[in-house]
Amino acid sequence: MPSFGYIIKKGAKYSGLVTLGLIALLLLLAIIPVSTSGLVSSADPAASYSDAARRIQGVIDDESGKVCGICGTTFYTHGDKTANAVVLIHGLTNSPRQFWELGQEFYDDGYNVFIPRMPYHGLSTHTVSELGNLHAQDLQTFSGQVADIAVGLGANVVVVGLSGGGTIAADIAQHRSGIDKAVLIAPLFGLAGVPQAGDTMLGNLFSRFPDVTFSSSSEPPRDSVYLGWSTRGIAEYLIFSRVAQPQTAGEAAQAGNIVLVTNGNDHTVNNNMSKEIAAEWESSGATITRYEFDASLGLPHDYIDMTSIGEKSTWVYPILIGLIE
């Protein structure tokens, strides 16, 4: 009969092998790329203002009973196609409520304003675990639907997005014609402090694992925002971001006018990665406008939501409006 010491040694040996095997498996899951070949959406642009308005109303009707009272798709319309229209796309974990005040500014200036709700956001359950149901294809489908509607709202169309919404705006700029300008505000191409290879591995790994959620003490509780983060939600945005940028050197963006707005105090997204992608667009012929809020201003990642920045909007908004117009 083997001695107790022998059994302990054997057990330690096999547990070590199991641990090494698990580490190897995790590395493989992180290194093997998630395919993005299927992330496409076919264009079906609105034929007229009435067609675009009908589609928006269909979205709003479908949200009935599913979203929180202030979280749904919002449409500020002058009742017909206007000279200028703007689409405002909210950030990850937020909702259209984020852009209400800025949207009102543009509406008062004669714009039709469309503020769509991203998939699995703003639901009445009000829990970040909803983002565990998100897939990159949902974001691609949403991006296509937004672009289809936008072209029917104005003669001149600007698409604006913050954070995850900035990634959607980048995808539209890259792939869809009919958009005159794309404004990317703190777009989510990569995470702050993480090298690009690390973002790739995180996206691959966490998109293949069950969702894990955690709370963020830096996020004040708000009725229109999910509190915390979802590993699956972040991973799917990282995967989607791979198609929302040039795939090969010299590949031109469909939108020839792109504005990149960064925040020197941003500890959420990777500003350097965004700047590198903007440089790629510029080298392929796009007109790139760059603006960065200085780190000394102490702005948070979300400097759009009035419930987040309060009185700072009195000087932030005029700068953003100037860049968008």
C-alpha atoms as a PDB file:
ATOM      1  CA  MET A   1       0.000   0.000   0.000  1.00  0.00           C
ATOM      2  CA  PRO A   2       1.492   3.404  -1.033  1.00  0.00           C
ATOM      3  CA  SER A   3       2.563   5.639   1.783  1.00  0.00           C
ATOM      4  CA  PHE A   4       0.716   8.845   2.603  1.00  0.00           C
ATOM      5  CA  GLY A   5       3.716  10.885   1.457  1.00  0.00           C
ATOM      6  CA  TYR A   6       3.769   9.096  -1.891  1.00  0.00           C
ATOM      7  CA  ILE A   7       0.078   9.863  -2.432  1.00  0.00           C
ATOM      8  CA  ILE A   8       0.645  13.530  -1.605  1.00  0.00           C
ATOM      9  CA  LYS A   9       3.520  13.755  -4.102  1.00  0.00           C
ATOM     10  CA  LYS A  10       1.489  12.084  -6.832  1.00  0.00           C
ATOM     11  CA  GLY A  11      -1.473  14.344  -6.116  1.00  0.00           C
ATOM     12  CA  ALA A  12       0.699  17.442  -6.309  1.00  0.00           C
ATOM     13  CA  LYS A  13       2.188  16.253  -9.595  1.00  0.00           C
ATOM     14  CA  TYR A  14      -1.202  15.656 -11.231  1.00  0.00           C
ATOM     15  CA  SER A  15      -2.711  18.880  -9.881  1.00  0.00           C
ATOM     16  CA  GLY A  16       0.260  20.723 -11.333  1.00  0.00           C
ATOM     17  CA  LEU A  17      -0.334  19.097 -14.717  1.00  0.00           C
ATOM     18  CA  VAL A  18      -4.014  20.009 -14.569  1.00  0.00           C
ATOM     19  CA  THR A  19      -3.128  23.611 -13.731  1.00  0.00           C
ATOM     20  CA  LEU A  20      -0.678  23.801 -16.635  1.00  0.00           C
ATOM     21  CA  GLY A  21      -3.301  22.308 -18.915  1.00  0.00           C
ATOM     22  CA  LEU A  22      -5.875  24.895 -17.867  1.00  0.00           C
ATOM     23  CA  ILE A  23      -3.379  27.723 -18.400  1.00  0.00           C
ATOM     24  CA  ALA A  24      -2.558  26.369 -21.860  1.00  0.00           C
ATOM     25  CA  LEU A  25      -6.248  26.142 -22.701  1.00  0.00           C
ATOM     26  CA  LEU A  26      -6.868  29.730 -21.591  1.00  0.00           C
ATOM     27  CA  LEU A  27      -3.930  30.934 -23.684  1.00  0.00           C
ATOM     28  CA  LEU A  28      -5.267  29.113 -26.724  1.00  0.00           C
ATOM     29  CA  LEU A  29      -8.732  30.595 -26.258  1.00  0.00           C
ATOM     30  CA  ALA A  30      -7.173  34.046 -25.934  1.00  0.00           C
ATOM     31  CA  ILE A  31      -4.809  33.684 -28.901  1.00  0.00           C
ATOM     32  CA  ILE A  32      -7.102  31.978 -31.422  1.00  0.00           C
ATOM     33  CA  PRO A  33      -8.936  34.889 -33.060  1.00  0.00           C
ATOM     34  CA  VAL A  34     -12.696  35.168 -33.041  1.00  0.00           C
ATOM     35  CA  SER A  35     -13.824  35.340 -36.655  1.00  0.00           C
ATOM     36  CA  THR A  36     -15.241  38.657 -37.830  1.00  0.00           C
ATOM     37  CA  SER A  37     -15.917  37.509 -41.389  1.00  0.00           C
ATOM     38  CA  GLY A  38     -19.658  37.360 -40.736  1.00  0.00           C
ATOM     39  CA  LEU A  39     -19.895  40.864 -39.295  1.00  0.00           C
ATOM     40  CA  VAL A  40     -21.601  42.494 -42.239  1.00  0.00           C
ATOM     41  CA  SER A  41     -24.875  44.301 -42.754  1.00  0.00           C
ATOM     42  CA  SER A  42     -26.536  44.908 -46.086  1.00  0.00           C
ATOM     43  CA  ALA A  43     -27.458  48.510 -46.840  1.00  0.00           C
ATOM     44  CA  ASP A  44     -31.152  49.374 -47.073  1.00  0.00           C
ATOM     45  CA  PRO A  45     -31.178  53.179 -46.907  1.00  0.00           C
ATOM     46  CA  ALA A  46     -34.413  55.022 -46.237  1.00  0.00           C
ATOM     47  CA  ALA A  47     -35.892  56.296 -49.482  1.00  0.00           C
ATOM     48  CA  SER A  48     -37.362  59.427 -47.907  1.00  0.00           C
ATOM     49  CA  TYR A  49     -37.940  61.277 -44.662  1.00  0.00           C
ATOM     50  CA  SER A  50     -41.296  59.525 -44.186  1.00  0.00           C
ATOM     51  CA  ASP A  51     -39.603  56.152 -44.645  1.00  0.00           C
ATOM     52  CA  ALA A  52     -36.958  57.036 -42.051  1.00  0.00           C
ATOM     53  CA  ALA A  53     -39.576  58.371 -39.614  1.00  0.00           C
ATOM     54  CA  ARG A  54     -41.667  55.218 -40.073  1.00  0.00           C
ATOM     55  CA  ARG A  55     -38.664  53.034 -39.237  1.00  0.00           C
ATOM     56  CA  ILE A  56     -37.911  55.071 -36.120  1.00  0.00           C
ATOM     57  CA  GLN A  57     -41.515  54.796 -34.970  1.00  0.00           C
ATOM     58  CA  GLY A  58     -41.318  51.040 -35.498  1.00  0.00           C
ATOM     59  CA  VAL A  59     -38.271  50.903 -33.211  1.00  0.00           C
ATOM     60  CA  ILE A  60     -40.022  52.994 -30.558  1.00  0.00           C
ATOM     61  CA  ASP A  61     -43.154  50.814 -30.755  1.00  0.00           C
ATOM     62  CA  ASP A  62     -41.054  47.665 -30.380  1.00  0.00           C
ATOM     63  CA  GLU A  63     -39.416  49.074 -27.237  1.00  0.00           C
ATOM     64  CA  SER A  64     -42.759  49.592 -25.520  1.00  0.00           C
ATOM     65  CA  GLY A  65     -42.860  47.734 -22.221  1.00  0.00           C
ATOM     66  CA  LYS A  66     -39.237  46.608 -22.570  1.00  0.00           C
ATOM     67  CA  VAL A  67     -37.190  49.677 -21.687  1.00  0.00           C
ATOM     68  CA  CYS A  68     -37.101  51.960 -18.676  1.00  0.00           C
ATOM     69  CA  GLY A  69     -39.209  55.105 -18.887  1.00  0.00           C
ATOM     70  CA  ILE A  70     -36.358  57.470 -19.807  1.00  0.00           C
ATOM     71  CA  CYS A  71     -34.111  55.021 -21.657  1.00  0.00           C
ATOM     72  CA  GLY A  72     -35.804  54.551 -25.013  1.00  0.00           C
ATOM     73  CA  THR A  73     -34.949  55.651 -28.527  1.00  0.00           C
ATOM     74  CA  THR A  74     -35.554  59.406 -28.882  1.00  0.00           C
ATOM     75  CA  PHE A  75     -36.486  61.401 -31.992  1.00  0.00           C
ATOM     76  CA  TYR A  76     -36.638  65.194 -32.083  1.00  0.00           C
ATOM     77  CA  THR A  77     -38.181  65.990 -35.457  1.00  0.00           C
ATOM     78  CA  HIS A  78     -39.308  69.061 -37.363  1.00  0.00           C
ATOM     79  CA  GLY A  79     -41.746  66.895 -39.313  1.00  0.00           C
ATOM     80  CA  ASP A  80     -39.854  66.752 -42.590  1.00  0.00           C
ATOM     81  CA  LYS A  81     -36.363  66.368 -43.983  1.00  0.00           C
ATOM     82  CA  THR A  82     -34.148  69.206 -42.771  1.00  0.00           C
ATOM     83  CA  ALA A  83     -30.987  70.750 -44.146  1.00  0.00           C
ATOM     84  CA  ASN A  84     -29.031  69.153 -41.302  1.00  0.00           C
ATOM     85  CA  ALA A  85     -29.596  66.041 -39.228  1.00  0.00           C
ATOM     86  CA  VAL A  86     -27.562  64.519 -36.429  1.00  0.00           C
ATOM     87  CA  VAL A  87     -27.502  61.015 -34.962  1.00  0.00           C
ATOM     88  CA  LEU A  88     -26.277  60.790 -31.364  1.00  0.00           C
ATOM     89  CA  ILE A  89     -25.232  57.313 -30.176  1.00  0.00           C
ATOM     90  CA  HIS A  90     -24.827  56.747 -26.447  1.00  0.00           C
ATOM     91  CA  GLY A  91     -22.061  54.886 -24.667  1.00  0.00           C
ATOM     92  CA  LEU A  92     -21.645  51.395 -23.240  1.00  0.00           C
ATOM     93  CA  THR A  93     -23.974  50.788 -20.218  1.00  0.00           C
ATOM     94  CA  ASN A  94     -25.763  54.105 -20.848  1.00  0.00           C
ATOM     95  CA  SER A  95     -28.941  54.924 -22.827  1.00  0.00           C
ATOM     96  CA  PRO A  96     -30.354  57.639 -25.129  1.00  0.00           C
ATOM     97  CA  ARG A  97     -31.047  59.741 -22.019  1.00  0.00           C
ATOM     98  CA  GLN A  98     -27.329  60.539 -22.107  1.00  0.00           C
ATOM     99  CA  PHE A  99     -27.784  62.818 -25.134  1.00  0.00           C
ATOM    100  CA  TRP A 100     -31.110  64.501 -24.360  1.00  0.00           C
ATOM    101  CA  GLU A 101     -29.740  67.951 -23.543  1.00  0.00           C
ATOM    102  CA  LEU A 102     -27.158  68.030 -26.336  1.00  0.00           C
ATOM    103  CA  GLY A 103     -29.798  66.733 -28.743  1.00  0.00           C
ATOM    104  CA  GLN A 104     -32.160  69.522 -27.723  1.00  0.00           C
ATOM    105  CA  GLU A 105     -29.460  72.066 -28.575  1.00  0.00           C
ATOM    106  CA  PHE A 106     -29.264  70.744 -32.123  1.00  0.00           C
ATOM    107  CA  TYR A 107     -33.041  70.494 -32.466  1.00  0.00           C
ATOM    108  CA  ASP A 108     -33.366  74.144 -31.447  1.00  0.00           C
ATOM    109  CA  ASP A 109     -30.822  74.946 -34.163  1.00  0.00           C
ATOM    110  CA  GLY A 110     -33.035  73.340 -36.841  1.00  0.00           C
ATOM    111  CA  TYR A 111     -31.653  69.807 -36.913  1.00  0.00           C
ATOM    112  CA  ASN A 112     -33.629  66.593 -36.961  1.00  0.00           C
ATOM    113  CA  VAL A 113     -32.127  64.611 -34.074  1.00  0.00           C
ATOM    114  CA  PHE A 114     -32.137  60.818 -33.794  1.00  0.00           C
ATOM    115  CA  ILE A 115     -30.874  59.195 -30.564  1.00  0.00           C
ATOM    116  CA  PRO A 116     -31.101  55.397 -30.963  1.00  0.00           C
ATOM    117  CA  ARG A 117     -30.825  52.834 -28.156  1.00  0.00           C
ATOM    118  CA  MET A 118     -28.081  50.254 -28.544  1.00  0.00           C
ATOM    119  CA  PRO A 119     -28.941  46.535 -28.195  1.00  0.00           C
ATOM    120  CA  TYR A 120     -29.579  45.252 -24.632  1.00  0.00           C
ATOM    121  CA  HIS A 121     -29.188  48.746 -23.149  1.00  0.00           C
ATOM    122  CA  GLY A 122     -31.752  50.685 -21.145  1.00  0.00           C
ATOM    123  CA  LEU A 123     -33.944  47.689 -20.408  1.00  0.00           C
ATOM    124  CA  SER A 124     -36.469  47.855 -17.585  1.00  0.00           C
ATOM    125  CA  THR A 125     -34.604  45.145 -15.655  1.00  0.00           C
ATOM    126  CA  HIS A 126     -31.925  47.812 -15.128  1.00  0.00           C
ATOM    127  CA  THR A 127     -29.126  45.301 -14.664  1.00  0.00           C
ATOM    128  CA  VAL A 128     -25.769  45.213 -16.423  1.00  0.00           C
ATOM    129  CA  SER A 129     -26.069  41.432 -16.768  1.00  0.00           C
ATOM    130  CA  GLU A 130     -28.316  42.129 -19.794  1.00  0.00           C
ATOM    131  CA  LEU A 131     -25.116  42.847 -21.710  1.00  0.00           C
ATOM    132  CA  GLY A 132     -24.168  39.191 -21.279  1.00  0.00           C
ATOM    133  CA  ASN A 133     -26.631  38.532 -24.130  1.00  0.00           C
ATOM    134  CA  LEU A 134     -24.828  40.894 -26.502  1.00  0.00           C
ATOM    135  CA  HIS A 135     -22.947  39.703 -29.582  1.00  0.00           C
ATOM    136  CA  ALA A 136     -20.831  41.646 -32.052  1.00  0.00           C
ATOM    137  CA  GLN A 137     -23.337  40.833 -34.791  1.00  0.00           C
ATOM    138  CA  ASP A 138     -26.011  42.703 -32.790  1.00  0.00           C
ATOM    139  CA  LEU A 139     -23.793  45.788 -32.933  1.00  0.00           C
ATOM    140  CA  GLN A 140     -23.196  45.361 -36.655  1.00  0.00           C
ATOM    141  CA  THR A 141     -26.920  45.012 -37.327  1.00  0.00           C
ATOM    142  CA  PHE A 142     -27.629  48.073 -35.186  1.00  0.00           C
ATOM    143  CA  SER A 143     -24.940  50.072 -37.003  1.00  0.00           C
ATOM    144  CA  GLY A 144     -26.491  49.248 -40.362  1.00  0.00           C
ATOM    145  CA  GLN A 145     -30.019  50.133 -39.227  1.00  0.00           C
ATOM    146  CA  VAL A 146     -28.859  53.480 -37.832  1.00  0.00           C
ATOM    147  CA  ALA A 147     -27.051  54.367 -41.064  1.00  0.00           C
ATOM    148  CA  ASP A 148     -30.085  53.332 -43.129  1.00  0.00           C
ATOM    149  CA  ILE A 149     -32.361  55.649 -41.141  1.00  0.00           C
ATOM    150  CA  ALA A 150     -29.914  58.557 -40.888  1.00  0.00           C
ATOM    151  CA  VAL A 151     -29.697  59.246 -44.627  1.00  0.00           C
ATOM    152  CA  GLY A 152     -33.431  59.982 -44.750  1.00  0.00           C
ATOM    153  CA  LEU A 153     -33.427  62.636 -42.028  1.00  0.00           C
ATOM    154  CA  GLY A 154     -31.412  65.459 -43.542  1.00  0.00           C
ATOM    155  CA  ALA A 155     -29.580  66.716 -46.602  1.00  0.00           C
ATOM    156  CA  ASN A 156     -26.403  66.847 -44.515  1.00  0.00           C
ATOM    157  CA  VAL A 157     -26.019  64.034 -41.968  1.00  0.00           C
ATOM    158  CA  VAL A 158     -23.600  63.868 -39.042  1.00  0.00           C
ATOM    159  CA  VAL A 159     -23.214  60.719 -36.923  1.00  0.00           C
ATOM    160  CA  VAL A 160     -21.854  61.245 -33.414  1.00  0.00           C
ATOM    161  CA  GLY A 161     -20.981  58.563 -30.881  1.00  0.00           C
ATOM    162  CA  LEU A 162     -19.466  58.416 -27.415  1.00  0.00           C
ATOM    163  CA  SER A 163     -17.372  55.465 -26.196  1.00  0.00           C
ATOM    164  CA  GLY A 164     -19.095  52.305 -27.478  1.00  0.00           C
ATOM    165  CA  GLY A 165     -21.293  54.610 -29.528  1.00  0.00           C
ATOM    166  CA  GLY A 166     -18.099  56.084 -30.959  1.00  0.00           C
ATOM    167  CA  THR A 167     -17.189  52.622 -32.201  1.00  0.00           C
ATOM    168  CA  ILE A 168     -20.583  52.409 -33.947  1.00  0.00           C
ATOM    169  CA  ALA A 169     -19.964  55.841 -35.505  1.00  0.00           C
ATOM    170  CA  ALA A 170     -16.540  54.639 -36.673  1.00  0.00           C
ATOM    171  CA  ASP A 171     -18.091  51.586 -38.328  1.00  0.00           C
ATOM    172  CA  ILE A 172     -20.584  53.795 -40.170  1.00  0.00           C
ATOM    173  CA  ALA A 173     -17.774  56.134 -41.236  1.00  0.00           C
ATOM    174  CA  GLN A 174     -15.725  53.214 -42.497  1.00  0.00           C
ATOM    175  CA  HIS A 175     -18.417  51.337 -44.396  1.00  0.00           C
ATOM    176  CA  ARG A 176     -21.436  53.485 -45.242  1.00  0.00           C
ATOM    177  CA  SER A 177     -21.866  56.164 -47.879  1.00  0.00           C
ATOM    178  CA  GLY A 178     -24.326  59.026 -47.466  1.00  0.00           C
ATOM    179  CA  ILE A 179     -22.862  60.215 -44.159  1.00  0.00           C
ATOM    180  CA  ASP A 180     -21.214  63.619 -44.402  1.00  0.00           C
ATOM    181  CA  LYS A 181     -19.306  63.588 -41.116  1.00  0.00           C
ATOM    182  CA  ALA A 182     -18.585  61.175 -38.265  1.00  0.00           C
ATOM    183  CA  VAL A 183     -17.630  62.497 -34.841  1.00  0.00           C
ATOM    184  CA  LEU A 184     -15.974  59.930 -32.578  1.00  0.00           C
ATOM    185  CA  ILE A 185     -15.918  60.995 -28.931  1.00  0.00           C
ATOM    186  CA  ALA A 186     -13.656  58.770 -26.799  1.00  0.00           C
ATOM    187  CA  PRO A 187     -14.305  55.774 -29.093  1.00  0.00           C
ATOM    188  CA  LEU A 188     -13.854  52.286 -27.661  1.00  0.00           C
ATOM    189  CA  PHE A 189     -11.206  50.608 -29.817  1.00  0.00           C
ATOM    190  CA  GLY A 190      -9.156  49.439 -26.860  1.00  0.00           C
ATOM    191  CA  LEU A 191      -8.991  49.720 -23.080  1.00  0.00           C
ATOM    192  CA  ALA A 192      -6.811  52.271 -21.304  1.00  0.00           C
ATOM    193  CA  GLY A 193      -3.547  50.822 -20.076  1.00  0.00           C
ATOM    194  CA  VAL A 194      -3.888  47.644 -22.149  1.00  0.00           C
ATOM    195  CA  PRO A 195      -1.651  47.063 -25.211  1.00  0.00           C
ATOM    196  CA  GLN A 196      -3.437  46.291 -28.471  1.00  0.00           C
ATOM    197  CA  ALA A 197      -2.427  42.625 -28.329  1.00  0.00           C
ATOM    198  CA  GLY A 198      -3.940  42.469 -24.842  1.00  0.00           C
ATOM    199  CA  ASP A 199      -7.241  43.900 -26.111  1.00  0.00           C
ATOM    200  CA  THR A 200      -7.297  41.255 -28.810  1.00  0.00           C
ATOM    201  CA  MET A 201      -6.718  38.481 -26.294  1.00  0.00           C
ATOM    202  CA  LEU A 202      -9.305  39.839 -23.852  1.00  0.00           C
ATOM    203  CA  GLY A 203     -11.903  40.065 -26.607  1.00  0.00           C
ATOM    204  CA  ASN A 204     -11.205  36.525 -27.771  1.00  0.00           C
ATOM    205  CA  LEU A 205     -11.199  35.052 -24.274  1.00  0.00           C
ATOM    206  CA  PHE A 206     -14.170  36.750 -22.646  1.00  0.00           C
ATOM    207  CA  SER A 207     -16.423  36.400 -25.682  1.00  0.00           C
ATOM    208  CA  ARG A 208     -16.026  32.605 -25.230  1.00  0.00           C
ATOM    209  CA  PHE A 209     -16.673  32.571 -21.487  1.00  0.00           C
ATOM    210  CA  PRO A 210     -19.870  33.012 -19.493  1.00  0.00           C
ATOM    211  CA  ASP A 211     -20.513  36.627 -18.597  1.00  0.00           C
ATOM    212  CA  VAL A 212     -19.127  37.996 -15.342  1.00  0.00           C
ATOM    213  CA  THR A 213     -20.467  41.282 -14.000  1.00  0.00           C
ATOM    214  CA  PHE A 214     -19.060  43.558 -11.346  1.00  0.00           C
ATOM    215  CA  SER A 215     -20.025  46.867  -9.822  1.00  0.00           C
ATOM    216  CA  SER A 216     -18.055  50.070 -10.259  1.00  0.00           C
ATOM    217  CA  SER A 217     -17.874  52.359  -7.258  1.00  0.00           C
ATOM    218  CA  SER A 218     -16.912  55.251  -9.566  1.00  0.00           C
ATOM    219  CA  GLU A 219     -20.323  55.103 -11.251  1.00  0.00           C
ATOM    220  CA  PRO A 220     -23.037  57.020  -9.385  1.00  0.00           C
ATOM    221  CA  PRO A 221     -26.409  55.220  -9.431  1.00  0.00           C
ATOM    222  CA  ARG A 222     -28.629  56.640 -12.179  1.00  0.00           C
ATOM    223  CA  ASP A 223     -31.973  55.424 -13.508  1.00  0.00           C
ATOM    224  CA  SER A 224     -30.778  55.608 -17.117  1.00  0.00           C
ATOM    225  CA  VAL A 225     -27.426  53.823 -16.696  1.00  0.00           C
ATOM    226  CA  TYR A 226     -26.497  50.252 -15.824  1.00  0.00           C
ATOM    227  CA  LEU A 227     -24.281  50.203 -12.761  1.00  0.00           C
ATOM    228  CA  GLY A 228     -21.067  48.234 -13.281  1.00  0.00           C
ATOM    229  CA  TRP A 229     -19.549  46.314 -16.182  1.00  0.00           C
ATOM    230  CA  SER A 230     -20.041  43.089 -18.102  1.00  0.00           C
ATOM    231  CA  THR A 231     -17.068  41.069 -19.362  1.00  0.00           C
ATOM    232  CA  ARG A 232     -19.096  39.755 -22.313  1.00  0.00           C
ATOM    233  CA  GLY A 233     -20.338  43.250 -23.151  1.00  0.00           C
ATOM    234  CA  ILE A 234     -16.825  44.699 -23.233  1.00  0.00           C
ATOM    235  CA  ALA A 235     -15.466  41.718 -25.185  1.00  0.00           C
ATOM    236  CA  GLU A 236     -18.111  41.999 -27.898  1.00  0.00           C
ATOM    237  CA  TYR A 237     -17.392  45.703 -28.381  1.00  0.00           C
ATOM    238  CA  LEU A 238     -13.668  44.924 -28.668  1.00  0.00           C
ATOM    239  CA  ILE A 239     -14.412  42.314 -31.324  1.00  0.00           C
ATOM    240  CA  PHE A 240     -16.782  44.629 -33.194  1.00  0.00           C
ATOM    241  CA  SER A 241     -14.170  47.404 -33.118  1.00  0.00           C
ATOM    242  CA  ARG A 242     -11.955  45.240 -35.345  1.00  0.00           C
ATOM    243  CA  VAL A 243     -14.276  45.816 -38.311  1.00  0.00           C
ATOM    244  CA  ALA A 244     -14.972  49.472 -37.432  1.00  0.00           C
ATOM    245  CA  GLN A 245     -11.557  50.531 -38.745  1.00  0.00           C
ATOM    246  CA  PRO A 246      -9.415  50.018 -41.871  1.00  0.00           C
ATOM    247  CA  GLN A 247      -8.776  46.332 -42.471  1.00  0.00           C
ATOM    248  CA  THR A 248      -5.799  46.863 -44.769  1.00  0.00           C
ATOM    249  CA  ALA A 249      -3.240  49.615 -45.272  1.00  0.00           C
ATOM    250  CA  GLY A 250      -4.614  52.398 -47.442  1.00  0.00           C
ATOM    251  CA  GLU A 251      -8.257  51.348 -47.125  1.00  0.00           C
ATOM    252  CA  ALA A 252     -10.336  54.517 -47.347  1.00  0.00           C
ATOM    253  CA  ALA A 253     -13.259  55.418 -45.118  1.00  0.00           C
ATOM    254  CA  GLN A 254     -16.604  56.072 -46.819  1.00  0.00           C
ATOM    255  CA  ALA A 255     -17.067  59.238 -44.752  1.00  0.00           C
ATOM    256  CA  GLY A 256     -14.407  61.649 -45.896  1.00  0.00           C
ATOM    257  CA  ASN A 257     -14.776  63.935 -42.876  1.00  0.00           C
ATOM    258  CA  ILE A 258     -13.995  62.408 -39.471  1.00  0.00           C
ATOM    259  CA  VAL A 259     -13.566  64.171 -36.133  1.00  0.00           C
ATOM    260  CA  LEU A 260     -11.733  62.474 -33.268  1.00  0.00           C
ATOM    261  CA  VAL A 261     -12.343  63.925 -29.804  1.00  0.00           C
ATOM    262  CA  THR A 262     -10.225  62.562 -26.956  1.00  0.00           C
ATOM    263  CA  ASN A 263      -9.892  63.318 -23.258  1.00  0.00           C
ATOM    264  CA  GLY A 264      -6.436  63.490 -21.738  1.00  0.00           C
ATOM    265  CA  ASN A 265      -7.913  62.395 -18.407  1.00  0.00           C
ATOM    266  CA  ASP A 266      -9.628  59.326 -19.874  1.00  0.00           C
ATOM    267  CA  HIS A 267      -8.843  56.174 -17.886  1.00  0.00           C
ATOM    268  CA  THR A 268     -11.351  53.973 -19.726  1.00  0.00           C
ATOM    269  CA  VAL A 269     -10.382  53.870 -23.413  1.00  0.00           C
ATOM    270  CA  ASN A 270      -7.060  53.759 -25.242  1.00  0.00           C
ATOM    271  CA  ASN A 271      -6.541  57.222 -26.741  1.00  0.00           C
ATOM    272  CA  ASN A 272      -3.331  56.233 -28.537  1.00  0.00           C
ATOM    273  CA  MET A 273      -5.091  53.445 -30.402  1.00  0.00           C
ATOM    274  CA  SER A 274      -7.823  55.849 -31.515  1.00  0.00           C
ATOM    275  CA  LYS A 275      -5.195  58.300 -32.750  1.00  0.00           C
ATOM    276  CA  GLU A 276      -3.396  55.566 -34.705  1.00  0.00           C
ATOM    277  CA  ILE A 277      -6.635  54.581 -36.446  1.00  0.00           C
ATOM    278  CA  ALA A 278      -7.364  58.238 -37.248  1.00  0.00           C
ATOM    279  CA  ALA A 279      -3.885  58.506 -38.778  1.00  0.00           C
ATOM    280  CA  GLU A 280      -4.662  55.486 -40.977  1.00  0.00           C
ATOM    281  CA  TRP A 281      -7.843  57.149 -42.219  1.00  0.00           C
ATOM    282  CA  GLU A 282      -5.945  60.362 -42.865  1.00  0.00           C
ATOM    283  CA  SER A 283      -3.251  58.580 -44.861  1.00  0.00           C
ATOM    284  CA  SER A 284      -5.962  57.108 -47.098  1.00  0.00           C
ATOM    285  CA  GLY A 285      -7.470  60.515 -47.901  1.00  0.00           C
ATOM    286  CA  ALA A 286      -9.968  61.336 -45.158  1.00  0.00           C
ATOM    287  CA  THR A 287     -10.056  64.798 -43.629  1.00  0.00           C
ATOM    288  CA  ILE A 288      -9.353  64.320 -39.919  1.00  0.00           C
ATOM    289  CA  THR A 289     -10.040  66.931 -37.261  1.00  0.00           C
ATOM    290  CA  ARG A 290      -8.517  66.257 -33.854  1.00  0.00           C
ATOM    291  CA  TYR A 291      -9.414  67.805 -30.520  1.00  0.00           C
ATOM    292  CA  GLU A 292      -8.304  66.753 -27.041  1.00  0.00           C
ATOM    293  CA  PHE A 293      -9.630  68.028 -23.716  1.00  0.00           C
ATOM    294  CA  ASP A 294      -6.591  68.618 -21.529  1.00  0.00           C
ATOM    295  CA  ALA A 295      -6.027  66.193 -18.666  1.00  0.00           C
ATOM    296  CA  SER A 296      -5.881  69.095 -16.227  1.00  0.00           C
ATOM    297  CA  LEU A 297      -9.615  69.690 -16.768  1.00  0.00           C
ATOM    298  CA  GLY A 298     -10.310  66.447 -14.916  1.00  0.00           C
ATOM    299  CA  LEU A 299     -13.177  65.363 -17.174  1.00  0.00           C
ATOM    300  CA  PRO A 300     -14.591  61.864 -16.677  1.00  0.00           C
ATOM    301  CA  HIS A 301     -14.850  59.364 -19.539  1.00  0.00           C
ATOM    302  CA  ASP A 302     -18.514  60.346 -19.936  1.00  0.00           C
ATOM    303  CA  TYR A 303     -18.538  64.096 -20.420  1.00  0.00           C
ATOM    304  CA  ILE A 304     -21.868  64.154 -22.263  1.00  0.00           C
ATOM    305  CA  ASP A 305     -24.431  63.010 -19.686  1.00  0.00           C
ATOM    306  CA  MET A 306     -25.742  65.966 -17.688  1.00  0.00           C
ATOM    307  CA  THR A 307     -26.200  63.650 -14.716  1.00  0.00           C
ATOM    308  CA  SER A 308     -22.451  63.010 -14.918  1.00  0.00           C
ATOM    309  CA  ILE A 309     -20.866  66.416 -15.615  1.00  0.00           C
ATOM    310  CA  GLY A 310     -23.488  68.926 -14.451  1.00  0.00           C
ATOM    311  CA  GLU A 311     -22.358  72.546 -14.835  1.00  0.00           C
ATOM    312  CA  LYS A 312     -19.244  71.557 -16.807  1.00  0.00           C
ATOM    313  CA  SER A 313     -21.595  71.195 -19.767  1.00  0.00           C
ATOM    314  CA  THR A 314     -21.685  74.997 -20.034  1.00  0.00           C
ATOM    315  CA  TRP A 315     -18.194  74.959 -21.552  1.00  0.00           C
ATOM    316  CA  VAL A 316     -17.963  71.355 -22.818  1.00  0.00           C
ATOM    317  CA  TYR A 317     -21.107  71.518 -24.963  1.00  0.00           C
ATOM    318  CA  PRO A 318     -20.145  74.611 -26.992  1.00  0.00           C
ATOM    319  CA  ILE A 319     -16.837  72.951 -27.927  1.00  0.00           C
ATOM    320  CA  LEU A 320     -18.570  69.731 -28.992  1.00  0.00           C
ATOM    321  CA  ILE A 321     -21.267  71.594 -30.911  1.00  0.00           C
ATOM    322  CA  GLY A 322     -18.579  73.518 -32.798  1.00  0.00           C
ATOM    323  CA  LEU A 323     -16.803  70.273 -33.728  1.00  0.00           C
ATOM    324  CA  ILE A 324     -20.044  68.601 -34.818  1.00  0.00           C
ATOM    325  CA  GLU A 325     -21.323  71.544 -36.868  1.00  0.00           C
END
